[in-house]
Protein backbone atom coordinates (compact mmCIF):
# COMPACT_ATOMS: atom_id res chain seq x y z
CA UNK A 1 55.79 125.13 -83.15
CA UNK A 2 54.39 124.82 -86.63
CA UNK A 3 54.61 126.52 -89.98
CA UNK A 4 51.46 128.34 -91.20
CA UNK A 5 51.16 129.37 -94.83
CA UNK A 6 49.07 132.36 -95.85
CA UNK A 7 47.46 131.03 -99.07
CA UNK A 8 44.59 133.60 -99.37
CA UNK A 9 44.40 137.29 -98.78
CA UNK A 10 42.59 138.73 -95.74
CA UNK A 11 42.91 139.44 -92.06
CA UNK A 12 45.52 137.67 -89.97
CA UNK A 13 42.73 136.48 -87.74
CA UNK A 14 40.79 134.79 -90.55
CA UNK A 15 41.01 131.01 -90.23
CA UNK A 16 38.59 130.14 -92.99
CA UNK A 17 40.32 131.71 -96.03
CA UNK A 18 43.87 132.75 -95.11
CA UNK A 19 45.88 130.06 -93.31
CA UNK A 20 46.94 126.56 -94.39
CA UNK A 21 49.12 123.85 -92.75
CA UNK A 22 50.74 123.11 -96.06
CA UNK A 23 52.45 125.13 -98.78
CA UNK A 24 49.80 125.77 -101.49
CA UNK A 25 47.29 123.80 -99.47
CA UNK A 26 43.60 124.68 -98.84
CA UNK A 27 42.81 127.38 -96.25
CA UNK A 28 41.09 126.54 -93.00
CA UNK A 29 44.00 126.14 -90.56
CA UNK A 30 44.62 127.84 -87.27
CA UNK A 31 45.95 131.34 -86.98
CA UNK A 32 49.68 131.41 -86.20
CA UNK A 33 50.47 131.35 -82.50
CA UNK A 34 53.53 131.93 -80.35
CA UNK A 35 56.65 130.25 -81.78
CA UNK A 36 55.11 129.51 -85.15
CA UNK A 37 56.83 130.25 -88.41
CA UNK A 38 54.81 132.19 -91.05
CA UNK A 39 55.15 132.08 -94.83
CA UNK A 40 53.08 134.55 -96.90
CA UNK A 41 52.83 133.22 -100.41
CA UNK A 42 53.34 135.30 -103.58
CA UNK A 43 50.21 137.28 -104.51
CA UNK A 44 48.75 137.07 -100.97
CA UNK A 45 48.09 140.16 -98.84
CA UNK A 46 47.65 139.75 -95.05
CA UNK A 47 46.42 142.57 -92.81
CA UNK A 48 47.76 142.29 -89.26
CA UNK A 49 44.71 142.66 -87.02
CA UNK A 50 45.91 140.58 -84.06
CA UNK A 51 47.67 141.88 -80.92
CA UNK A 52 50.68 139.61 -80.33
CA UNK A 53 52.17 141.60 -77.48
CA UNK A 54 51.22 138.82 -75.02
CA UNK A 55 53.26 136.19 -76.81
CA UNK A 56 56.20 134.97 -74.75
CA UNK A 57 58.51 134.66 -77.75
CA UNK A 58 56.62 135.88 -80.81
CA UNK A 59 56.60 134.57 -84.28
CA UNK A 60 59.69 132.35 -84.83
CA UNK A 61 60.17 133.43 -88.45
CA UNK A 62 58.55 135.29 -91.30
CA UNK A 63 58.99 134.74 -95.04
CA UNK A 64 57.25 136.90 -97.60
CA UNK A 65 57.63 135.35 -101.04
CA UNK A 66 58.32 137.35 -104.14
CA UNK A 67 57.02 136.80 -107.61
CA UNK A 68 55.12 138.66 -110.35
CA UNK A 69 52.98 139.95 -107.45
CA UNK A 70 54.92 139.58 -104.15
CA UNK A 71 53.25 138.65 -100.89
CA UNK A 72 52.51 141.52 -98.56
CA UNK A 73 52.01 142.00 -94.78
CA UNK A 74 50.42 145.28 -93.77
């Protein structure tokens, strides 16, 4: 179990420009997997393009941060 931060907009499956291991960190982390917690930072839009139906438990938690431009999952 880990926390993954969406720090750049793009597809959920994009490891090079969307996901970080740290809040506000540089992208380049792994895509969230079963039991991970996800935080979508303000101003970041993430398109769900991954089938998670095979996950045993699913995502442990999801936070979408607000702000002048709130984060978005679509």
